[in-house]
Amino acid sequence: MRFLDTNILLGHFTGDDPEKALACYRLFQRIEHAEEVVATSDMVMAETVFLLHSPRHYALSRERIRELVEPLLDLRSIRLPNKALYKRAFELYGQGKISFPDAFNAAYMQVLGLTGIYSYDTDFDRVVGISRVEPEPQSPA
């Protein structure tokens, strides 16, 4: 087993470099047919979504990113912690109300059965079922 880095995902999704894109495509064919097993991380997924969405890089829509990334989550030959959370995270992210990291954290909260979050980030106010609380300032002693 080998680790799958962000640039391989980007090469596969964007085809910026045709030679590398073909090599990435062939790798994903082997992964899809379970001829190869790879591992990746939540950080790789977050970086991939960030770069695909960033106007400075690829400026893809949230829906297009979801279309590209979600099918990978169904591949049994890709090992990814918290894989089951990504479907819900992409659902929240696709609504266009919160960033991908916040969507992932909201999905994680839901899995844990948590409804409250300490945060100054008002984006969480847009997620149904989550109540945001700001820490109370301490009174001077």
N, C-alpha and C. Protein backbone atom coordinates (compact mmCIF):
# COMPACT_ATOMS: atom_id res chain seq x y z
N MET A 1 0.84 -1.17 0.00
CA MET A 1 0.00 0.00 0.00
C MET A 1 0.89 1.24 0.00
N ARG A 2 0.43 2.26 -0.73
CA ARG A 2 1.12 3.55 -0.77
C ARG A 2 0.14 4.66 -0.42
N PHE A 3 0.69 5.81 -0.06
CA PHE A 3 -0.12 6.98 0.27
C PHE A 3 -0.43 7.77 -1.00
N LEU A 4 -1.65 8.28 -1.09
CA LEU A 4 -2.10 9.06 -2.23
C LEU A 4 -2.09 10.53 -1.86
N ASP A 5 -1.27 11.32 -2.53
CA ASP A 5 -1.11 12.73 -2.21
C ASP A 5 -2.05 13.60 -3.05
N THR A 6 -2.22 14.83 -2.61
CA THR A 6 -3.12 15.79 -3.24
C THR A 6 -2.83 15.97 -4.73
N ASN A 7 -1.55 16.08 -5.09
CA ASN A 7 -1.24 16.38 -6.48
C ASN A 7 -1.66 15.26 -7.44
N ILE A 8 -1.78 14.04 -6.95
CA ILE A 8 -2.27 12.94 -7.78
C ILE A 8 -3.76 13.11 -8.03
N LEU A 9 -4.49 13.47 -6.99
CA LEU A 9 -5.93 13.73 -7.15
C LEU A 9 -6.15 14.90 -8.12
N LEU A 10 -5.39 15.97 -7.93
CA LEU A 10 -5.54 17.13 -8.82
C LEU A 10 -5.18 16.78 -10.26
N GLY A 11 -4.12 15.99 -10.43
CA GLY A 11 -3.73 15.57 -11.78
C GLY A 11 -4.84 14.77 -12.44
N HIS A 12 -5.47 13.92 -11.68
CA HIS A 12 -6.57 13.11 -12.20
C HIS A 12 -7.79 13.97 -12.53
N PHE A 13 -8.13 14.91 -11.65
CA PHE A 13 -9.33 15.71 -11.84
C PHE A 13 -9.19 16.81 -12.89
N THR A 14 -8.00 17.40 -12.99
CA THR A 14 -7.86 18.59 -13.83
C THR A 14 -7.20 18.35 -15.18
N GLY A 15 -6.32 17.36 -15.27
CA GLY A 15 -5.64 17.09 -16.53
C GLY A 15 -4.71 18.21 -16.96
N ASP A 16 -4.22 19.01 -16.02
CA ASP A 16 -3.32 20.12 -16.35
C ASP A 16 -2.14 19.69 -17.20
N ASP A 17 -1.53 18.62 -16.81
CA ASP A 17 -0.39 18.06 -17.52
C ASP A 17 -0.87 16.74 -18.14
N PRO A 18 -1.07 16.72 -19.45
CA PRO A 18 -1.67 15.53 -20.08
C PRO A 18 -0.93 14.22 -19.80
N GLU A 19 0.39 14.26 -19.75
CA GLU A 19 1.15 13.04 -19.48
C GLU A 19 0.90 12.54 -18.05
N LYS A 20 0.94 13.46 -17.10
CA LYS A 20 0.68 13.09 -15.71
C LYS A 20 -0.79 12.69 -15.53
N ALA A 21 -1.68 13.38 -16.23
CA ALA A 21 -3.11 13.06 -16.13
C ALA A 21 -3.36 11.62 -16.58
N LEU A 22 -2.70 11.20 -17.65
CA LEU A 22 -2.86 9.83 -18.13
C LEU A 22 -2.33 8.84 -17.11
N ALA A 23 -1.17 9.15 -16.52
CA ALA A 23 -0.61 8.27 -15.50
C ALA A 23 -1.55 8.18 -14.28
N CYS A 24 -2.13 9.31 -13.89
CA CYS A 24 -3.08 9.32 -12.77
C CYS A 24 -4.33 8.53 -13.12
N TYR A 25 -4.81 8.69 -14.34
CA TYR A 25 -5.98 7.94 -14.79
C TYR A 25 -5.70 6.44 -14.70
N ARG A 26 -4.55 6.02 -15.16
CA ARG A 26 -4.19 4.60 -15.12
C ARG A 26 -4.09 4.10 -13.68
N LEU A 27 -3.53 4.92 -12.81
CA LEU A 27 -3.46 4.55 -11.39
C LEU A 27 -4.88 4.36 -10.83
N PHE A 28 -5.77 5.28 -11.12
CA PHE A 28 -7.13 5.16 -10.61
C PHE A 28 -7.87 3.98 -11.22
N GLN A 29 -7.52 3.60 -12.42
CA GLN A 29 -8.11 2.39 -13.00
C GLN A 29 -7.67 1.16 -12.18
N ARG A 30 -6.39 1.11 -11.81
CA ARG A 30 -5.89 0.00 -10.98
C ARG A 30 -6.56 0.01 -9.60
N ILE A 31 -6.74 1.19 -9.04
CA ILE A 31 -7.40 1.30 -7.74
C ILE A 31 -8.86 0.84 -7.86
N GLU A 32 -9.53 1.30 -8.91
CA GLU A 32 -10.94 0.94 -9.10
C GLU A 32 -11.13 -0.57 -9.26
N HIS A 33 -10.17 -1.21 -9.90
CA HIS A 33 -10.25 -2.66 -10.11
C HIS A 33 -9.58 -3.45 -8.98
N ALA A 34 -9.25 -2.77 -7.89
CA ALA A 34 -8.65 -3.38 -6.70
C ALA A 34 -7.33 -4.08 -7.00
N GLU A 35 -6.64 -3.60 -8.01
CA GLU A 35 -5.30 -4.11 -8.31
C GLU A 35 -4.26 -3.41 -7.45
N GLU A 36 -4.68 -2.29 -6.89
CA GLU A 36 -3.80 -1.50 -6.02
C GLU A 36 -4.66 -0.90 -4.92
N VAL A 37 -4.10 -0.84 -3.71
CA VAL A 37 -4.77 -0.23 -2.57
C VAL A 37 -3.92 0.95 -2.13
N VAL A 38 -4.60 2.08 -1.88
CA VAL A 38 -3.88 3.28 -1.43
C VAL A 38 -4.56 3.83 -0.18
N ALA A 39 -3.81 4.62 0.54
CA ALA A 39 -4.34 5.31 1.71
C ALA A 39 -4.18 6.80 1.48
N THR A 40 -5.07 7.57 2.06
CA THR A 40 -4.93 9.02 2.04
C THR A 40 -5.48 9.57 3.34
N SER A 41 -5.53 10.89 3.46
CA SER A 41 -5.90 11.48 4.75
C SER A 41 -6.96 12.56 4.59
N ASP A 42 -7.52 12.94 5.72
CA ASP A 42 -8.48 14.04 5.74
C ASP A 42 -7.82 15.33 5.25
N MET A 43 -6.56 15.52 5.57
CA MET A 43 -5.85 16.73 5.13
C MET A 43 -5.72 16.77 3.61
N VAL A 44 -5.45 15.63 3.00
CA VAL A 44 -5.36 15.58 1.53
C VAL A 44 -6.71 15.93 0.93
N MET A 45 -7.77 15.41 1.49
CA MET A 45 -9.10 15.71 0.98
C MET A 45 -9.42 17.20 1.13
N ALA A 46 -9.11 17.77 2.28
CA ALA A 46 -9.37 19.19 2.51
C ALA A 46 -8.56 20.05 1.54
N GLU A 47 -7.29 19.71 1.37
CA GLU A 47 -6.44 20.48 0.46
C GLU A 47 -6.95 20.37 -0.98
N THR A 48 -7.38 19.18 -1.37
CA THR A 48 -7.90 18.97 -2.72
C THR A 48 -9.12 19.85 -2.96
N VAL A 49 -10.06 19.83 -2.04
CA VAL A 49 -11.28 20.65 -2.19
C VAL A 49 -10.91 22.13 -2.21
N PHE A 50 -10.02 22.54 -1.32
CA PHE A 50 -9.61 23.94 -1.27
C PHE A 50 -9.02 24.40 -2.61
N LEU A 51 -8.09 23.61 -3.15
CA LEU A 51 -7.44 24.01 -4.40
C LEU A 51 -8.39 23.96 -5.59
N LEU A 52 -9.27 22.98 -5.63
CA LEU A 52 -10.22 22.91 -6.73
C LEU A 52 -11.19 24.09 -6.70
N HIS A 53 -11.54 24.57 -5.52
CA HIS A 53 -12.50 25.67 -5.40
C HIS A 53 -11.84 27.04 -5.50
N SER A 54 -10.59 27.15 -5.15
CA SER A 54 -9.89 28.43 -5.08
C SER A 54 -9.85 29.15 -6.44
N PRO A 55 -10.26 30.42 -6.46
CA PRO A 55 -10.17 31.19 -7.70
C PRO A 55 -8.74 31.35 -8.21
N ARG A 56 -7.76 31.24 -7.32
CA ARG A 56 -6.36 31.36 -7.73
C ARG A 56 -5.85 30.09 -8.40
N HIS A 57 -6.62 29.00 -8.28
CA HIS A 57 -6.15 27.73 -8.85
C HIS A 57 -7.11 27.22 -9.92
N TYR A 58 -8.20 26.57 -9.53
CA TYR A 58 -9.07 25.94 -10.53
C TYR A 58 -10.48 26.53 -10.59
N ALA A 59 -10.92 27.18 -9.54
CA ALA A 59 -12.21 27.88 -9.50
C ALA A 59 -13.40 27.00 -9.92
N LEU A 60 -13.38 25.74 -9.50
CA LEU A 60 -14.50 24.86 -9.81
C LEU A 60 -15.65 25.12 -8.84
N SER A 61 -16.86 24.88 -9.30
CA SER A 61 -18.02 25.05 -8.44
C SER A 61 -18.05 23.95 -7.38
N ARG A 62 -18.77 24.20 -6.33
CA ARG A 62 -18.92 23.21 -5.26
C ARG A 62 -19.55 21.93 -5.80
N GLU A 63 -20.54 22.08 -6.67
CA GLU A 63 -21.21 20.91 -7.22
C GLU A 63 -20.25 20.09 -8.10
N ARG A 64 -19.43 20.78 -8.89
CA ARG A 64 -18.47 20.06 -9.74
C ARG A 64 -17.45 19.32 -8.88
N ILE A 65 -17.00 19.94 -7.81
CA ILE A 65 -16.05 19.29 -6.90
C ILE A 65 -16.69 18.04 -6.31
N ARG A 66 -17.91 18.16 -5.91
CA ARG A 66 -18.63 17.01 -5.35
C ARG A 66 -18.73 15.89 -6.39
N GLU A 67 -19.04 16.25 -7.63
CA GLU A 67 -19.14 15.26 -8.71
C GLU A 67 -17.82 14.53 -8.94
N LEU A 68 -16.72 15.25 -8.80
CA LEU A 68 -15.40 14.65 -9.01
C LEU A 68 -14.97 13.76 -7.85
N VAL A 69 -15.15 14.26 -6.64
CA VAL A 69 -14.57 13.59 -5.47
C VAL A 69 -15.44 12.46 -4.92
N GLU A 70 -16.75 12.65 -4.89
CA GLU A 70 -17.61 11.64 -4.26
C GLU A 70 -17.44 10.23 -4.81
N PRO A 71 -17.30 10.03 -6.12
CA PRO A 71 -17.14 8.65 -6.60
C PRO A 71 -15.91 7.93 -6.02
N LEU A 72 -14.88 8.70 -5.67
CA LEU A 72 -13.70 8.08 -5.07
C LEU A 72 -14.01 7.48 -3.71
N LEU A 73 -14.99 8.06 -3.03
CA LEU A 73 -15.34 7.57 -1.70
C LEU A 73 -15.95 6.18 -1.74
N ASP A 74 -16.47 5.80 -2.90
CA ASP A 74 -17.06 4.48 -3.05
C ASP A 74 -16.03 3.40 -3.39
N LEU A 75 -14.81 3.81 -3.70
CA LEU A 75 -13.78 2.83 -4.06
C LEU A 75 -13.25 2.16 -2.80
N ARG A 76 -13.41 0.86 -2.74
CA ARG A 76 -12.98 0.11 -1.55
C ARG A 76 -11.46 0.06 -1.42
N SER A 77 -10.75 0.34 -2.49
CA SER A 77 -9.29 0.27 -2.47
C SER A 77 -8.65 1.59 -2.05
N ILE A 78 -9.45 2.55 -1.65
CA ILE A 78 -8.92 3.79 -1.09
C ILE A 78 -9.23 3.78 0.40
N ARG A 79 -8.18 3.79 1.20
CA ARG A 79 -8.32 3.83 2.66
C ARG A 79 -8.28 5.28 3.10
N LEU A 80 -9.34 5.70 3.77
CA LEU A 80 -9.47 7.08 4.22
C LEU A 80 -10.20 7.10 5.55
N PRO A 81 -9.57 7.64 6.59
CA PRO A 81 -10.26 7.73 7.87
C PRO A 81 -11.54 8.56 7.71
N ASN A 82 -12.55 8.19 8.42
CA ASN A 82 -13.80 8.96 8.42
C ASN A 82 -14.48 9.00 7.05
N LYS A 83 -14.24 8.01 6.24
CA LYS A 83 -14.76 7.99 4.88
C LYS A 83 -16.28 8.21 4.83
N ALA A 84 -16.97 7.63 5.77
CA ALA A 84 -18.43 7.73 5.78
C ALA A 84 -18.91 9.17 6.01
N LEU A 85 -18.10 10.00 6.63
CA LEU A 85 -18.49 11.39 6.89
C LEU A 85 -18.53 12.25 5.63
N TYR A 86 -17.78 11.85 4.63
CA TYR A 86 -17.63 12.72 3.47
C TYR A 86 -18.91 12.93 2.68
N LYS A 87 -19.76 11.93 2.59
CA LYS A 87 -21.03 12.11 1.85
C LYS A 87 -21.83 13.24 2.49
N ARG A 88 -21.96 13.21 3.81
CA ARG A 88 -22.70 14.27 4.52
C ARG A 88 -21.96 15.60 4.42
N ALA A 89 -20.65 15.58 4.52
CA ALA A 89 -19.87 16.82 4.42
C ALA A 89 -20.06 17.46 3.04
N PHE A 90 -20.04 16.65 1.99
CA PHE A 90 -20.25 17.20 0.65
C PHE A 90 -21.68 17.69 0.45
N GLU A 91 -22.62 17.06 1.11
CA GLU A 91 -24.00 17.53 1.05
C GLU A 91 -24.10 18.93 1.66
N LEU A 92 -23.52 19.11 2.84
CA LEU A 92 -23.53 20.42 3.49
C LEU A 92 -22.74 21.44 2.69
N TYR A 93 -21.58 21.05 2.21
CA TYR A 93 -20.72 21.94 1.43
C TYR A 93 -21.42 22.37 0.14
N GLY A 94 -22.10 21.44 -0.50
CA GLY A 94 -22.78 21.71 -1.75
C GLY A 94 -23.91 22.72 -1.62
N GLN A 95 -24.41 22.91 -0.43
CA GLN A 95 -25.47 23.89 -0.21
C GLN A 95 -24.94 25.32 -0.29
N GLY A 96 -23.61 25.46 -0.32
CA GLY A 96 -22.99 26.76 -0.51
C GLY A 96 -23.02 27.69 0.67
N LYS A 97 -23.30 27.15 1.84
CA LYS A 97 -23.43 28.01 3.01
C LYS A 97 -22.19 28.02 3.89
N ILE A 98 -21.38 26.95 3.82
CA ILE A 98 -20.21 26.86 4.70
C ILE A 98 -19.03 26.29 3.94
N SER A 99 -17.84 26.51 4.49
CA SER A 99 -16.62 25.99 3.88
C SER A 99 -16.56 24.47 4.02
N PHE A 100 -15.67 23.84 3.27
CA PHE A 100 -15.57 22.39 3.36
C PHE A 100 -15.09 21.93 4.74
N PRO A 101 -14.07 22.56 5.34
CA PRO A 101 -13.68 22.12 6.69
C PRO A 101 -14.83 22.25 7.70
N ASP A 102 -15.61 23.33 7.61
CA ASP A 102 -16.75 23.48 8.52
C ASP A 102 -17.81 22.41 8.23
N ALA A 103 -18.03 22.11 6.96
CA ALA A 103 -18.99 21.07 6.59
C ALA A 103 -18.55 19.72 7.15
N PHE A 104 -17.25 19.43 7.04
CA PHE A 104 -16.73 18.17 7.58
C PHE A 104 -16.93 18.13 9.09
N ASN A 105 -16.61 19.23 9.77
CA ASN A 105 -16.77 19.27 11.22
C ASN A 105 -18.24 19.14 11.63
N ALA A 106 -19.14 19.74 10.88
CA ALA A 106 -20.57 19.62 11.18
C ALA A 106 -21.02 18.17 11.00
N ALA A 107 -20.55 17.53 9.94
CA ALA A 107 -20.89 16.12 9.72
C ALA A 107 -20.33 15.26 10.85
N TYR A 108 -19.12 15.56 11.29
CA TYR A 108 -18.50 14.82 12.39
C TYR A 108 -19.30 15.01 13.68
N MET A 109 -19.74 16.23 13.91
CA MET A 109 -20.57 16.50 15.09
C MET A 109 -21.84 15.65 15.05
N GLN A 110 -22.46 15.58 13.89
CA GLN A 110 -23.70 14.83 13.74
C GLN A 110 -23.47 13.34 14.03
N VAL A 111 -22.35 12.81 13.56
CA VAL A 111 -22.04 11.40 13.84
C VAL A 111 -21.88 11.18 15.35
N LEU A 112 -21.28 12.14 16.03
CA LEU A 112 -21.09 12.03 17.47
C LEU A 112 -22.36 12.35 18.26
N GLY A 113 -23.39 12.82 17.56
CA GLY A 113 -24.62 13.18 18.24
C GLY A 113 -24.55 14.52 18.96
N LEU A 114 -23.60 15.37 18.55
CA LEU A 114 -23.43 16.68 19.16
C LEU A 114 -24.25 17.72 18.41
N THR A 115 -24.90 18.60 19.14
CA THR A 115 -25.68 19.66 18.51
C THR A 115 -25.14 21.05 18.83
N GLY A 116 -24.24 21.15 19.77
CA GLY A 116 -23.70 22.45 20.17
C GLY A 116 -22.22 22.55 19.84
N ILE A 117 -21.81 23.76 19.45
CA ILE A 117 -20.40 24.00 19.14
C ILE A 117 -19.98 25.34 19.74
N TYR A 118 -18.82 25.36 20.35
CA TYR A 118 -18.19 26.61 20.75
C TYR A 118 -17.45 27.14 19.55
N SER A 119 -17.85 28.29 19.07
CA SER A 119 -17.19 28.85 17.89
C SER A 119 -17.59 30.31 17.72
N TYR A 120 -16.69 31.09 17.15
CA TYR A 120 -17.00 32.46 16.75
C TYR A 120 -17.39 32.49 15.27
N ASP A 121 -17.32 31.35 14.60
CA ASP A 121 -17.61 31.24 13.17
C ASP A 121 -19.12 31.17 12.97
N THR A 122 -19.71 32.27 12.47
CA THR A 122 -21.16 32.34 12.30
C THR A 122 -21.68 31.45 11.18
N ASP A 123 -20.80 30.88 10.37
CA ASP A 123 -21.25 29.95 9.32
C ASP A 123 -21.99 28.76 9.93
N PHE A 124 -21.62 28.37 11.13
CA PHE A 124 -22.29 27.24 11.77
C PHE A 124 -23.76 27.54 12.07
N ASP A 125 -24.11 28.83 12.13
CA ASP A 125 -25.51 29.21 12.35
C ASP A 125 -26.39 28.77 11.18
N ARG A 126 -25.79 28.50 10.04
CA ARG A 126 -26.53 28.12 8.83
C ARG A 126 -26.77 26.62 8.73
N VAL A 127 -26.25 25.85 9.67
CA VAL A 127 -26.40 24.39 9.63
C VAL A 127 -27.55 24.00 10.54
N VAL A 128 -28.57 23.42 9.93
CA VAL A 128 -29.75 23.00 10.69
C VAL A 128 -29.34 21.94 11.72
N GLY A 129 -29.79 22.13 12.95
CA GLY A 129 -29.52 21.17 14.00
C GLY A 129 -28.27 21.46 14.81
N ILE A 130 -27.55 22.52 14.46
CA ILE A 130 -26.35 22.88 15.22
C ILE A 130 -26.56 24.25 15.85
N SER A 131 -26.25 24.33 17.13
CA SER A 131 -26.36 25.59 17.86
C SER A 131 -24.95 26.06 18.22
N ARG A 132 -24.64 27.27 17.79
CA ARG A 132 -23.32 27.84 18.06
C ARG A 132 -23.38 28.68 19.32
N VAL A 133 -22.36 28.53 20.15
CA VAL A 133 -22.25 29.29 21.39
C VAL A 133 -20.86 29.90 21.43
N GLU A 134 -20.81 31.18 21.78
CA GLU A 134 -19.52 31.82 21.97
C GLU A 134 -19.16 31.72 23.44
N PRO A 135 -17.89 31.48 23.75
CA PRO A 135 -17.49 31.42 25.16
C PRO A 135 -17.80 32.73 25.87
N GLU A 136 -18.27 32.60 27.09
CA GLU A 136 -18.57 33.78 27.92
C GLU A 136 -17.26 34.37 28.41
N PRO A 137 -17.14 35.70 28.30
CA PRO A 137 -15.92 36.31 28.86
C PRO A 137 -15.95 36.23 30.38
N GLN A 138 -14.81 36.02 30.95
CA GLN A 138 -14.69 35.95 32.42
C GLN A 138 -14.81 37.36 32.99
N SER A 139 -15.51 37.49 34.11
CA SER A 139 -15.54 38.77 34.80
C SER A 139 -14.19 39.00 35.48
N PRO A 140 -13.75 40.24 35.51
CA PRO A 140 -12.47 40.49 36.21
C PRO A 140 -12.57 40.13 37.68
N ALA A 141 -11.53 39.55 38.20
CA ALA A 141 -11.53 39.12 39.60
C ALA A 141 -11.25 40.24 40.54
